[in-house]
């Protein structure tokens, strides 16, 4: 059974754009390989080996992205609602020092902690799933165990 990969519409768009970028690079790499072949001895031809290596990298990246797209289960948070934390929710938290943080629970391929996008499979997200506004959540962080209170849950 193929394991589905939850992803937002924005995440799906980014994956498709990344795949298109690699596909667009393919012809240029093929030209580089052809040019390098014309230079003669392939055993000591650095241009040829570099181009072949890049071609392999591109093909592998395309394979990985195509697999992710094949397993993608697009879930649009804008179509969701509810009072419990779930995939796609934007959650406002306050820690024991009254510092406020906002996280959006997204698919693993969309994780970007700097933007507040955390994987739905991360320890923080797993501790939030199913919780409601006002609930306290204990979670392990790189700095140790922390306690957060859920201030708001939005699906946007």
N, C-alpha and C. Protein backbone atom coordinates (compact mmCIF):
# COMPACT_ATOMS: atom_id res chain seq x y z
N UNK A 1 0.85 -1.18 0.00
CA UNK A 1 0.00 0.00 0.00
C UNK A 1 0.89 1.25 0.00
N UNK A 2 0.55 2.20 -0.85
CA UNK A 2 1.32 3.43 -0.96
C UNK A 2 0.92 4.37 0.18
N UNK A 3 1.92 4.84 0.91
CA UNK A 3 1.67 5.76 2.02
C UNK A 3 1.43 7.15 1.46
N UNK A 4 0.27 7.72 1.80
CA UNK A 4 -0.07 9.06 1.33
C UNK A 4 0.75 10.10 2.09
N UNK A 5 1.00 11.20 1.42
CA UNK A 5 1.81 12.28 1.96
C UNK A 5 0.95 13.55 2.00
N UNK A 6 0.47 13.96 3.20
CA UNK A 6 -0.37 15.16 3.23
C UNK A 6 0.44 16.39 2.85
N UNK A 7 -0.19 17.28 2.08
CA UNK A 7 0.48 18.48 1.60
C UNK A 7 -0.57 19.55 1.33
N UNK A 8 -0.20 20.80 1.56
CA UNK A 8 -1.11 21.90 1.26
C UNK A 8 -1.03 22.22 -0.24
N UNK A 9 -2.02 22.95 -0.77
CA UNK A 9 -1.94 23.34 -2.19
C UNK A 9 -0.67 24.14 -2.50
N UNK A 10 -0.25 24.98 -1.57
CA UNK A 10 0.97 25.77 -1.78
C UNK A 10 2.20 24.87 -1.86
N UNK A 11 2.24 23.86 -1.00
CA UNK A 11 3.35 22.92 -1.02
C UNK A 11 3.39 22.13 -2.32
N UNK A 12 2.22 21.74 -2.81
CA UNK A 12 2.13 21.02 -4.08
C UNK A 12 2.65 21.89 -5.22
N UNK A 13 2.28 23.15 -5.23
CA UNK A 13 2.75 24.08 -6.26
C UNK A 13 4.26 24.21 -6.23
N UNK A 14 4.84 24.32 -5.03
CA UNK A 14 6.30 24.43 -4.92
C UNK A 14 7.00 23.19 -5.44
N UNK A 15 6.46 22.00 -5.14
CA UNK A 15 7.05 20.76 -5.65
C UNK A 15 7.00 20.72 -7.18
N UNK A 16 5.86 21.11 -7.76
CA UNK A 16 5.72 21.11 -9.22
C UNK A 16 6.69 22.09 -9.87
N UNK A 17 6.87 23.26 -9.23
CA UNK A 17 7.82 24.25 -9.76
C UNK A 17 9.25 23.73 -9.70
N UNK A 18 9.59 23.04 -8.62
CA UNK A 18 10.93 22.48 -8.48
C UNK A 18 11.18 21.41 -9.55
N UNK A 19 10.17 20.57 -9.80
CA UNK A 19 10.29 19.54 -10.83
C UNK A 19 10.47 20.19 -12.20
N UNK A 20 9.71 21.23 -12.49
CA UNK A 20 9.82 21.93 -13.78
C UNK A 20 11.22 22.52 -13.95
N UNK A 21 11.79 23.04 -12.87
CA UNK A 21 13.14 23.62 -12.93
C UNK A 21 14.16 22.55 -13.32
N UNK A 22 14.05 21.36 -12.73
CA UNK A 22 14.98 20.27 -13.07
C UNK A 22 14.77 19.79 -14.50
N UNK A 23 13.52 19.70 -14.91
CA UNK A 23 13.24 19.26 -16.29
C UNK A 23 13.81 20.26 -17.29
N UNK A 24 13.74 21.54 -16.97
CA UNK A 24 14.27 22.57 -17.86
C UNK A 24 15.79 22.51 -17.94
N UNK A 25 16.43 22.01 -16.91
CA UNK A 25 17.89 21.93 -16.88
C UNK A 25 18.42 20.75 -17.68
N UNK A 26 17.59 19.74 -17.88
CA UNK A 26 18.02 18.52 -18.58
C UNK A 26 18.67 18.77 -19.95
N UNK A 27 18.02 19.53 -20.85
CA UNK A 27 18.62 19.72 -22.18
C UNK A 27 20.01 20.38 -22.13
N UNK A 28 20.19 21.31 -21.21
CA UNK A 28 21.48 21.99 -21.08
C UNK A 28 22.58 20.99 -20.66
N UNK A 29 22.23 20.08 -19.76
CA UNK A 29 23.19 19.07 -19.32
C UNK A 29 23.53 18.12 -20.46
N UNK A 30 22.54 17.74 -21.25
CA UNK A 30 22.78 16.85 -22.39
C UNK A 30 23.74 17.53 -23.37
N UNK A 31 23.55 18.83 -23.59
CA UNK A 31 24.46 19.58 -24.47
C UNK A 31 25.87 19.61 -23.90
N UNK A 32 26.00 19.80 -22.60
CA UNK A 32 27.31 19.83 -21.97
C UNK A 32 28.02 18.48 -22.13
N UNK A 33 27.28 17.40 -21.98
CA UNK A 33 27.86 16.07 -22.13
C UNK A 33 28.32 15.86 -23.57
N UNK A 34 27.50 16.27 -24.53
CA UNK A 34 27.86 16.12 -25.95
C UNK A 34 29.10 16.94 -26.26
N UNK A 35 29.16 18.16 -25.77
CA UNK A 35 30.32 19.02 -26.00
C UNK A 35 31.58 18.40 -25.38
N UNK A 36 31.46 17.91 -24.16
CA UNK A 36 32.61 17.31 -23.47
C UNK A 36 33.09 16.06 -24.20
N UNK A 37 32.18 15.29 -24.80
CA UNK A 37 32.57 14.09 -25.56
C UNK A 37 33.43 14.47 -26.75
N UNK A 38 33.09 15.60 -27.36
CA UNK A 38 33.84 16.05 -28.54
C UNK A 38 35.29 16.41 -28.20
N UNK A 39 35.55 16.66 -26.92
CA UNK A 39 36.90 17.05 -26.51
C UNK A 39 37.87 15.87 -26.48
N UNK A 40 37.37 14.66 -26.63
CA UNK A 40 38.27 13.51 -26.72
C UNK A 40 38.22 12.59 -25.52
N UNK A 41 39.37 12.12 -25.10
CA UNK A 41 39.54 11.10 -24.06
C UNK A 41 38.62 11.34 -22.86
N UNK A 42 37.67 10.43 -22.67
CA UNK A 42 36.68 10.59 -21.59
C UNK A 42 37.24 10.23 -20.23
N UNK A 43 38.31 9.44 -20.18
CA UNK A 43 38.88 9.03 -18.89
C UNK A 43 39.40 10.22 -18.09
N UNK A 44 39.97 11.20 -18.77
CA UNK A 44 40.55 12.35 -18.08
C UNK A 44 39.84 13.64 -18.45
N UNK A 45 38.57 13.54 -18.76
CA UNK A 45 37.80 14.70 -19.20
C UNK A 45 36.92 15.18 -18.02
N UNK A 46 37.41 16.17 -17.29
CA UNK A 46 36.70 16.66 -16.09
C UNK A 46 35.33 17.24 -16.43
N UNK A 47 35.23 17.94 -17.57
CA UNK A 47 33.94 18.52 -17.97
C UNK A 47 32.90 17.42 -18.17
N UNK A 48 33.32 16.35 -18.83
CA UNK A 48 32.41 15.23 -19.09
C UNK A 48 31.94 14.60 -17.78
N UNK A 49 32.87 14.34 -16.88
CA UNK A 49 32.51 13.69 -15.61
C UNK A 49 31.63 14.60 -14.75
N UNK A 50 31.91 15.90 -14.75
CA UNK A 50 31.08 16.84 -13.98
C UNK A 50 29.67 16.90 -14.55
N UNK A 51 29.56 16.93 -15.87
CA UNK A 51 28.23 16.98 -16.50
C UNK A 51 27.45 15.69 -16.24
N UNK A 52 28.14 14.54 -16.33
CA UNK A 52 27.47 13.26 -16.06
C UNK A 52 27.02 13.18 -14.60
N UNK A 53 27.85 13.69 -13.69
CA UNK A 53 27.48 13.68 -12.28
C UNK A 53 26.24 14.56 -12.06
N UNK A 54 26.23 15.75 -12.66
CA UNK A 54 25.08 16.65 -12.51
C UNK A 54 23.83 16.02 -13.12
N UNK A 55 23.99 15.33 -14.24
CA UNK A 55 22.85 14.66 -14.86
C UNK A 55 22.27 13.62 -13.90
N UNK A 56 23.13 12.87 -13.23
CA UNK A 56 22.66 11.88 -12.26
C UNK A 56 21.94 12.52 -11.09
N UNK A 57 22.47 13.66 -10.63
CA UNK A 57 21.82 14.38 -9.52
C UNK A 57 20.43 14.86 -9.93
N UNK A 58 20.34 15.43 -11.12
CA UNK A 58 19.04 15.94 -11.61
C UNK A 58 18.04 14.80 -11.74
N UNK A 59 18.46 13.69 -12.34
CA UNK A 59 17.56 12.55 -12.51
C UNK A 59 17.07 12.03 -11.15
N UNK A 60 17.97 11.98 -10.17
CA UNK A 60 17.59 11.51 -8.83
C UNK A 60 16.61 12.47 -8.17
N UNK A 61 16.89 13.77 -8.26
CA UNK A 61 15.98 14.76 -7.67
C UNK A 61 14.60 14.69 -8.32
N UNK A 62 14.58 14.52 -9.63
CA UNK A 62 13.29 14.40 -10.33
C UNK A 62 12.54 13.15 -9.86
N UNK A 63 13.27 12.06 -9.71
CA UNK A 63 12.63 10.81 -9.24
C UNK A 63 12.02 11.01 -7.86
N UNK A 64 12.76 11.65 -6.97
CA UNK A 64 12.27 11.89 -5.60
C UNK A 64 11.02 12.77 -5.62
N UNK A 65 11.06 13.85 -6.39
CA UNK A 65 9.92 14.77 -6.45
C UNK A 65 8.71 14.09 -7.08
N UNK A 66 8.93 13.33 -8.15
CA UNK A 66 7.82 12.61 -8.79
C UNK A 66 7.18 11.62 -7.83
N UNK A 67 8.00 10.97 -6.99
CA UNK A 67 7.46 10.06 -5.98
C UNK A 67 6.61 10.83 -4.96
N UNK A 68 7.11 11.97 -4.52
CA UNK A 68 6.35 12.79 -3.57
C UNK A 68 5.03 13.24 -4.18
N UNK A 69 5.05 13.63 -5.44
CA UNK A 69 3.82 14.07 -6.11
C UNK A 69 2.84 12.91 -6.26
N UNK A 70 3.36 11.73 -6.55
CA UNK A 70 2.49 10.55 -6.71
C UNK A 70 1.80 10.18 -5.40
N UNK A 71 2.47 10.44 -4.28
CA UNK A 71 1.91 10.10 -2.97
C UNK A 71 1.18 11.27 -2.32
N UNK A 72 1.17 12.43 -2.97
CA UNK A 72 0.60 13.63 -2.37
C UNK A 72 -0.91 13.50 -2.16
N UNK A 73 -1.32 13.87 -0.98
CA UNK A 73 -2.75 13.97 -0.65
C UNK A 73 -2.97 15.44 -0.29
N UNK A 74 -3.51 16.18 -1.26
CA UNK A 74 -3.67 17.63 -1.08
C UNK A 74 -4.83 17.92 -0.13
N UNK A 75 -4.51 18.67 0.91
CA UNK A 75 -5.51 19.08 1.90
C UNK A 75 -5.42 20.60 2.01
N UNK A 76 -6.51 21.27 1.67
CA UNK A 76 -6.54 22.74 1.72
C UNK A 76 -7.07 23.17 3.08
N UNK A 77 -6.20 23.78 3.91
CA UNK A 77 -6.63 24.22 5.24
C UNK A 77 -7.82 25.18 5.21
N UNK A 78 -7.99 25.92 4.12
CA UNK A 78 -9.10 26.88 4.01
C UNK A 78 -10.46 26.18 4.00
N UNK A 79 -10.45 24.88 3.63
CA UNK A 79 -11.71 24.14 3.58
C UNK A 79 -12.00 23.42 4.90
N UNK A 80 -11.06 23.54 5.85
CA UNK A 80 -11.21 22.87 7.13
C UNK A 80 -11.73 23.84 8.19
N UNK A 81 -12.27 23.29 9.21
CA UNK A 81 -12.74 24.09 10.34
C UNK A 81 -12.75 23.18 11.56
N UNK A 82 -12.96 23.77 12.69
CA UNK A 82 -13.05 22.98 13.91
C UNK A 82 -12.34 23.65 15.05
N UNK A 83 -12.52 23.06 16.21
CA UNK A 83 -11.92 23.65 17.40
C UNK A 83 -10.75 22.83 17.93
N UNK A 84 -10.32 21.83 17.15
CA UNK A 84 -9.19 20.99 17.55
C UNK A 84 -8.06 21.14 16.53
N UNK A 85 -6.84 21.03 17.03
CA UNK A 85 -5.66 21.13 16.16
C UNK A 85 -5.61 19.90 15.25
N UNK A 86 -5.41 20.17 13.95
CA UNK A 86 -5.28 19.11 12.95
C UNK A 86 -4.34 19.60 11.85
N UNK A 87 -4.07 18.73 10.88
CA UNK A 87 -3.23 19.12 9.75
C UNK A 87 -3.76 20.42 9.15
N UNK A 88 -2.85 21.32 8.83
CA UNK A 88 -3.23 22.58 8.19
C UNK A 88 -3.57 23.71 9.15
N UNK A 89 -3.70 23.39 10.42
CA UNK A 89 -4.06 24.41 11.41
C UNK A 89 -2.89 25.35 11.66
N UNK A 90 -3.22 26.61 11.88
CA UNK A 90 -2.25 27.59 12.34
C UNK A 90 -2.56 27.78 13.82
N UNK A 91 -1.57 27.47 14.66
CA UNK A 91 -1.78 27.43 16.10
C UNK A 91 -0.93 28.51 16.77
N UNK A 92 -1.59 29.33 17.59
CA UNK A 92 -0.88 30.34 18.37
C UNK A 92 -0.69 29.79 19.77
N UNK A 93 0.57 29.78 20.21
CA UNK A 93 0.93 29.22 21.51
C UNK A 93 1.63 30.26 22.37
N UNK A 94 1.52 30.08 23.67
CA UNK A 94 2.27 30.92 24.60
C UNK A 94 3.00 29.99 25.56
N UNK A 95 4.31 30.24 25.72
CA UNK A 95 5.07 29.38 26.63
C UNK A 95 5.01 29.90 28.06
N UNK A 96 5.68 29.18 28.96
CA UNK A 96 5.62 29.52 30.38
C UNK A 96 6.26 30.88 30.68
N UNK A 97 7.01 31.43 29.71
CA UNK A 97 7.63 32.75 29.89
C UNK A 97 6.83 33.84 29.17
N UNK A 98 5.61 33.48 28.78
CA UNK A 98 4.68 34.36 28.08
C UNK A 98 5.17 34.80 26.71
N UNK A 99 6.05 34.01 26.13
CA UNK A 99 6.49 34.25 24.75
C UNK A 99 5.50 33.56 23.81
N UNK A 100 5.06 34.29 22.80
CA UNK A 100 4.08 33.77 21.86
C UNK A 100 4.78 33.27 20.60
N UNK A 101 4.37 32.10 20.13
CA UNK A 101 4.87 31.54 18.88
C UNK A 101 3.68 31.07 18.05
N UNK A 102 3.84 31.09 16.74
CA UNK A 102 2.77 30.64 15.84
C UNK A 102 3.35 29.57 14.92
N UNK A 103 2.67 28.43 14.85
CA UNK A 103 3.09 27.34 13.98
C UNK A 103 1.94 26.94 13.07
N UNK A 104 2.29 26.59 11.84
CA UNK A 104 1.32 26.00 10.92
C UNK A 104 1.74 24.56 10.70
N UNK A 105 0.82 23.62 10.89
CA UNK A 105 1.11 22.20 10.73
C UNK A 105 0.95 21.83 9.26
N UNK A 106 2.07 21.42 8.64
CA UNK A 106 2.10 21.13 7.22
C UNK A 106 2.71 19.75 6.98
N UNK A 107 2.75 19.35 5.72
CA UNK A 107 3.37 18.09 5.35
C UNK A 107 4.89 18.14 5.52
N UNK A 108 5.50 16.99 5.61
CA UNK A 108 6.95 16.90 5.84
C UNK A 108 7.75 17.62 4.76
N UNK A 109 7.25 17.65 3.53
CA UNK A 109 7.98 18.29 2.44
C UNK A 109 7.87 19.81 2.44
N UNK A 110 7.06 20.36 3.34
CA UNK A 110 6.85 21.80 3.39
C UNK A 110 7.50 22.45 4.61
N UNK A 111 8.12 21.66 5.45
CA UNK A 111 8.68 22.16 6.70
C UNK A 111 9.64 23.31 6.46
N UNK A 112 9.42 24.40 7.19
CA UNK A 112 10.29 25.57 7.14
C UNK A 112 10.14 26.28 8.49
N UNK A 113 10.96 25.86 9.45
CA UNK A 113 10.83 26.35 10.82
C UNK A 113 10.98 27.87 10.88
N UNK A 114 11.82 28.44 10.05
CA UNK A 114 12.02 29.89 10.04
C UNK A 114 10.71 30.61 9.73
N UNK A 115 9.85 30.00 8.94
CA UNK A 115 8.54 30.59 8.60
C UNK A 115 7.44 30.10 9.54
N UNK A 116 7.78 29.23 10.48
CA UNK A 116 6.78 28.70 11.41
C UNK A 116 6.01 27.52 10.86
N UNK A 117 6.49 26.90 9.78
CA UNK A 117 5.85 25.73 9.19
C UNK A 117 6.53 24.49 9.77
N UNK A 118 5.78 23.73 10.57
CA UNK A 118 6.36 22.51 11.16
C UNK A 118 5.64 21.28 10.62
N UNK A 119 6.41 20.22 10.48
CA UNK A 119 5.86 18.97 9.95
C UNK A 119 4.82 18.41 10.92
N UNK A 120 3.75 17.93 10.36
CA UNK A 120 2.68 17.32 11.15
C UNK A 120 3.19 16.10 11.91
N UNK A 121 4.34 15.57 11.49
CA UNK A 121 4.92 14.40 12.17
C UNK A 121 5.98 14.78 13.21
N UNK A 122 6.25 16.07 13.36
CA UNK A 122 7.26 16.51 14.33
C UNK A 122 6.75 16.30 15.76
N UNK A 123 7.65 16.20 16.73
CA UNK A 123 7.21 16.04 18.12
C UNK A 123 6.27 17.16 18.58
N UNK A 124 6.56 18.39 18.21
CA UNK A 124 5.70 19.52 18.60
C UNK A 124 4.30 19.34 18.02
N UNK A 125 4.22 19.07 16.72
CA UNK A 125 2.92 18.90 16.08
C UNK A 125 2.15 17.72 16.67
N UNK A 126 2.85 16.62 16.90
CA UNK A 126 2.18 15.44 17.47
C UNK A 126 1.60 15.76 18.85
N UNK A 127 2.28 16.61 19.62
CA UNK A 127 1.76 16.96 20.94
C UNK A 127 0.55 17.91 20.84
N UNK A 128 0.42 18.60 19.71
CA UNK A 128 -0.69 19.54 19.52
C UNK A 128 -1.95 18.90 18.93
N UNK A 129 -1.78 17.87 18.12
CA UNK A 129 -2.91 17.25 17.42
C UNK A 129 -4.02 16.87 18.41
N UNK A 130 -5.23 17.29 18.07
CA UNK A 130 -6.41 16.94 18.88
C UNK A 130 -6.66 17.86 20.06
N UNK A 131 -5.75 18.78 20.32
CA UNK A 131 -5.92 19.69 21.46
C UNK A 131 -6.79 20.88 21.07
N UNK A 132 -7.28 21.61 22.08
CA UNK A 132 -8.18 22.75 21.87
C UNK A 132 -7.61 24.00 22.52
N UNK A 133 -8.21 25.15 22.20
CA UNK A 133 -7.82 26.41 22.81
C UNK A 133 -7.94 26.28 24.33
N UNK A 134 -6.92 26.74 25.03
CA UNK A 134 -6.89 26.67 26.49
C UNK A 134 -6.14 25.47 27.02
N UNK A 135 -5.94 24.45 26.18
CA UNK A 135 -5.21 23.26 26.62
C UNK A 135 -3.73 23.59 26.81
N UNK A 136 -3.11 22.91 27.77
CA UNK A 136 -1.67 23.01 27.95
C UNK A 136 -1.04 21.80 27.29
N UNK A 137 0.09 22.03 26.67
CA UNK A 137 0.79 20.99 25.93
C UNK A 137 2.24 20.94 26.40
N UNK A 138 2.70 19.75 26.77
CA UNK A 138 4.11 19.55 27.11
C UNK A 138 4.77 18.93 25.89
N UNK A 139 5.92 19.47 25.55
CA UNK A 139 6.65 18.90 24.41
C UNK A 139 8.14 19.04 24.63
N UNK A 140 8.86 18.10 24.04
CA UNK A 140 10.33 18.16 24.10
C UNK A 140 10.81 19.03 22.96
N UNK A 141 11.71 19.93 23.27
CA UNK A 141 12.35 20.78 22.26
C UNK A 141 13.85 20.60 22.41
N UNK A 142 14.62 21.10 21.44
CA UNK A 142 16.08 20.99 21.57
C UNK A 142 16.59 21.60 22.88
N UNK A 143 15.85 22.58 23.42
CA UNK A 143 16.26 23.22 24.68
C UNK A 143 15.71 22.54 25.91
N UNK A 144 15.05 21.41 25.75
CA UNK A 144 14.45 20.69 26.88
C UNK A 144 12.94 20.70 26.81
N UNK A 145 12.31 20.14 27.83
CA UNK A 145 10.84 20.07 27.86
C UNK A 145 10.25 21.46 28.13
N UNK A 146 9.21 21.78 27.37
CA UNK A 146 8.55 23.08 27.54
C UNK A 146 7.05 22.87 27.60
N UNK A 147 6.38 23.83 28.24
CA UNK A 147 4.93 23.79 28.36
C UNK A 147 4.37 25.00 27.60
N UNK A 148 3.38 24.74 26.77
CA UNK A 148 2.72 25.78 26.00
C UNK A 148 1.22 25.75 26.28
N UNK A 149 0.59 26.92 26.20
CA UNK A 149 -0.86 27.00 26.24
C UNK A 149 -1.32 27.38 24.85
N UNK A 150 -2.37 26.71 24.37
CA UNK A 150 -2.91 27.02 23.05
C UNK A 150 -3.83 28.23 23.19
N UNK A 151 -3.48 29.31 22.48
CA UNK A 151 -4.26 30.54 22.52
C UNK A 151 -5.29 30.63 21.40
N UNK A 152 -4.92 30.10 20.22
CA UNK A 152 -5.83 30.18 19.07
C UNK A 152 -5.53 29.06 18.08
N UNK A 153 -6.57 28.65 17.37
CA UNK A 153 -6.46 27.65 16.31
C UNK A 153 -7.22 28.22 15.12
N UNK A 154 -6.52 28.34 13.99
CA UNK A 154 -7.15 28.86 12.78
C UNK A 154 -6.84 27.94 11.61
N UNK A 155 -7.76 27.90 10.67
CA UNK A 155 -7.55 27.17 9.43
C UNK A 155 -7.63 28.20 8.31
N UNK A 156 -6.43 28.58 7.81
CA UNK A 156 -6.40 29.62 6.77
C UNK A 156 -5.41 29.29 5.68
